[in-house]
Amino acid sequence: MNNRFYVASEKLQDIANLLIEKGYTELDEVVSPDELADKLFIDTKRETFYFTDEQCVKETNEILIEKYKVSYQSTTLKKLKLWK
């Protein structure tokens, strides 16, 4: 892993289960009003993740760029299986 923040868009429950196995903590879902979670946001430094939606990911990315000068990277279940 060379980034702190990741977003997954497919197989969300499988990824969540894998992250829990790896010791990550699931935080409360963050979604826009009247939206369903269709993304998973992962913070590798804090070892946390939460379900979210596209609009919230965009808003979070703006904060990441402003505060940390970085953006998130996309990830997949296959890539996550390679994480230590």
C-alpha atoms as a PDB file:
ATOM      1  CA  MET A   1       0.000   0.000   0.000  1.00  0.00           C
ATOM      2  CA  ASN A   2       1.384   3.344  -0.973  1.00  0.00           C
ATOM      3  CA  ASN A   3      -1.672   5.431  -0.191  1.00  0.00           C
ATOM      4  CA  ARG A   4      -3.683   6.018   2.964  1.00  0.00           C
ATOM      5  CA  PHE A   5      -7.182   6.312   1.511  1.00  0.00           C
ATOM      6  CA  TYR A   6      -8.984   3.878  -0.785  1.00  0.00           C
ATOM      7  CA  VAL A   7     -12.466   3.520  -2.245  1.00  0.00           C
ATOM      8  CA  ALA A   8     -14.036   0.280  -3.440  1.00  0.00           C
ATOM      9  CA  SER A   9     -17.071   0.105  -5.728  1.00  0.00           C
ATOM     10  CA  GLU A  10     -17.716  -3.618  -6.157  1.00  0.00           C
ATOM     11  CA  LYS A  11     -18.242  -6.610  -3.858  1.00  0.00           C
ATOM     12  CA  LEU A  12     -18.617  -4.273  -0.909  1.00  0.00           C
ATOM     13  CA  GLN A  13     -19.771  -6.856   1.618  1.00  0.00           C
ATOM     14  CA  ASP A  14     -16.946  -9.232   0.655  1.00  0.00           C
ATOM     15  CA  ILE A  15     -14.440  -6.396   1.072  1.00  0.00           C
ATOM     16  CA  ALA A  16     -15.971  -5.373   4.408  1.00  0.00           C
ATOM     17  CA  ASN A  17     -15.709  -8.955   5.660  1.00  0.00           C
ATOM     18  CA  LEU A  18     -12.062  -9.158   4.561  1.00  0.00           C
ATOM     19  CA  LEU A  19     -11.235  -5.850   6.255  1.00  0.00           C
ATOM     20  CA  ILE A  20     -12.829  -7.040   9.497  1.00  0.00           C
ATOM     21  CA  GLU A  21     -10.718 -10.211   9.289  1.00  0.00           C
ATOM     22  CA  LYS A  22      -7.655  -7.976   8.912  1.00  0.00           C
ATOM     23  CA  GLY A  23      -8.587  -6.089  12.096  1.00  0.00           C
ATOM     24  CA  TYR A  24     -10.233  -3.015  10.584  1.00  0.00           C
ATOM     25  CA  THR A  25     -13.141  -1.344  12.381  1.00  0.00           C
ATOM     26  CA  GLU A  26     -16.400  -0.567  10.606  1.00  0.00           C
ATOM     27  CA  LEU A  27     -17.671   2.963  11.230  1.00  0.00           C
ATOM     28  CA  ASP A  28     -21.243   4.197  10.795  1.00  0.00           C
ATOM     29  CA  GLU A  29     -22.503   4.494   7.250  1.00  0.00           C
ATOM     30  CA  VAL A  30     -22.205   7.953   5.635  1.00  0.00           C
ATOM     31  CA  VAL A  31     -24.684   8.581   2.826  1.00  0.00           C
ATOM     32  CA  SER A  32     -26.441  11.531   1.245  1.00  0.00           C
ATOM     33  CA  PRO A  33     -30.162  11.911   1.949  1.00  0.00           C
ATOM     34  CA  ASP A  34     -32.269   9.461  -0.085  1.00  0.00           C
ATOM     35  CA  GLU A  35     -29.187   7.574  -1.343  1.00  0.00           C
ATOM     36  CA  LEU A  36     -27.972   4.033  -0.837  1.00  0.00           C
ATOM     37  CA  ALA A  37     -24.400   3.069  -0.038  1.00  0.00           C
ATOM     38  CA  ASP A  38     -22.635   1.983  -3.198  1.00  0.00           C
ATOM     39  CA  LYS A  39     -19.010   2.611  -2.160  1.00  0.00           C
ATOM     40  CA  LEU A  40     -16.684   1.606   0.642  1.00  0.00           C
ATOM     41  CA  PHE A  41     -14.219   4.210   1.985  1.00  0.00           C
ATOM     42  CA  ILE A  42     -11.076   2.837   3.662  1.00  0.00           C
ATOM     43  CA  ASP A  43      -8.523   4.634   5.856  1.00  0.00           C
ATOM     44  CA  THR A  44      -5.465   2.388   6.152  1.00  0.00           C
ATOM     45  CA  LYS A  45      -3.720   4.491   8.811  1.00  0.00           C
ATOM     46  CA  ARG A  46      -6.624   4.337  11.237  1.00  0.00           C
ATOM     47  CA  GLU A  47      -7.652   0.865  10.006  1.00  0.00           C
ATOM     48  CA  THR A  48     -11.267   1.922   9.594  1.00  0.00           C
ATOM     49  CA  PHE A  49     -13.844   1.775   6.816  1.00  0.00           C
ATOM     50  CA  TYR A  50     -17.410   2.809   6.167  1.00  0.00           C
ATOM     51  CA  PHE A  51     -20.111   2.387   3.564  1.00  0.00           C
ATOM     52  CA  THR A  52     -20.897   5.545   1.613  1.00  0.00           C
ATOM     53  CA  ASP A  53     -22.190   6.895  -1.704  1.00  0.00           C
ATOM     54  CA  GLU A  54     -20.691   8.714  -4.697  1.00  0.00           C
ATOM     55  CA  GLN A  55     -21.636  12.209  -3.527  1.00  0.00           C
ATOM     56  CA  CYS A  56     -20.080  11.696  -0.096  1.00  0.00           C
ATOM     57  CA  VAL A  57     -16.916  10.292  -1.698  1.00  0.00           C
ATOM     58  CA  LYS A  58     -16.621  13.450  -3.808  1.00  0.00           C
ATOM     59  CA  GLU A  59     -17.083  15.654  -0.749  1.00  0.00           C
ATOM     60  CA  THR A  60     -14.617  13.591   1.282  1.00  0.00           C
ATOM     61  CA  ASN A  61     -12.072  13.806  -1.531  1.00  0.00           C
ATOM     62  CA  GLU A  62     -12.246  17.603  -1.456  1.00  0.00           C
ATOM     63  CA  ILE A  63     -11.444  17.498   2.264  1.00  0.00           C
ATOM     64  CA  LEU A  64      -8.566  15.050   1.696  1.00  0.00           C
ATOM     65  CA  ILE A  65      -7.037  17.297  -0.935  1.00  0.00           C
ATOM     66  CA  GLU A  66      -7.385  20.352   1.290  1.00  0.00           C
ATOM     67  CA  LYS A  67      -6.211  18.760   4.545  1.00  0.00           C
ATOM     68  CA  TYR A  68      -3.761  16.040   3.483  1.00  0.00           C
ATOM     69  CA  LYS A  69      -2.840  17.110  -0.074  1.00  0.00           C
ATOM     70  CA  VAL A  70      -3.727  13.616  -1.321  1.00  0.00           C
ATOM     71  CA  SER A  71      -6.649  11.916  -2.980  1.00  0.00           C
ATOM     72  CA  TYR A  72      -8.026   8.421  -2.592  1.00  0.00           C
ATOM     73  CA  GLN A  73      -7.200   5.525  -4.894  1.00  0.00           C
ATOM     74  CA  SER A  74      -9.590   2.891  -6.160  1.00  0.00           C
ATOM     75  CA  THR A  75      -9.169  -0.663  -4.961  1.00  0.00           C
ATOM     76  CA  THR A  76     -10.722  -4.075  -5.499  1.00  0.00           C
ATOM     77  CA  LEU A  77     -11.207  -7.268  -3.541  1.00  0.00           C
ATOM     78  CA  LYS A  78      -8.331  -8.846  -5.463  1.00  0.00           C
ATOM     79  CA  LYS A  79      -5.973  -6.019  -4.503  1.00  0.00           C
ATOM     80  CA  LEU A  80      -7.135  -6.065  -0.877  1.00  0.00           C
ATOM     81  CA  LYS A  81      -6.297  -9.728  -0.556  1.00  0.00           C
ATOM     82  CA  LEU A  82      -2.655  -8.753  -1.168  1.00  0.00           C
ATOM     83  CA  TRP A  83      -2.586  -6.238   1.709  1.00  0.00           C
ATOM     84  CA  LYS A  84      -0.700  -7.277   4.815  1.00  0.00           C
END
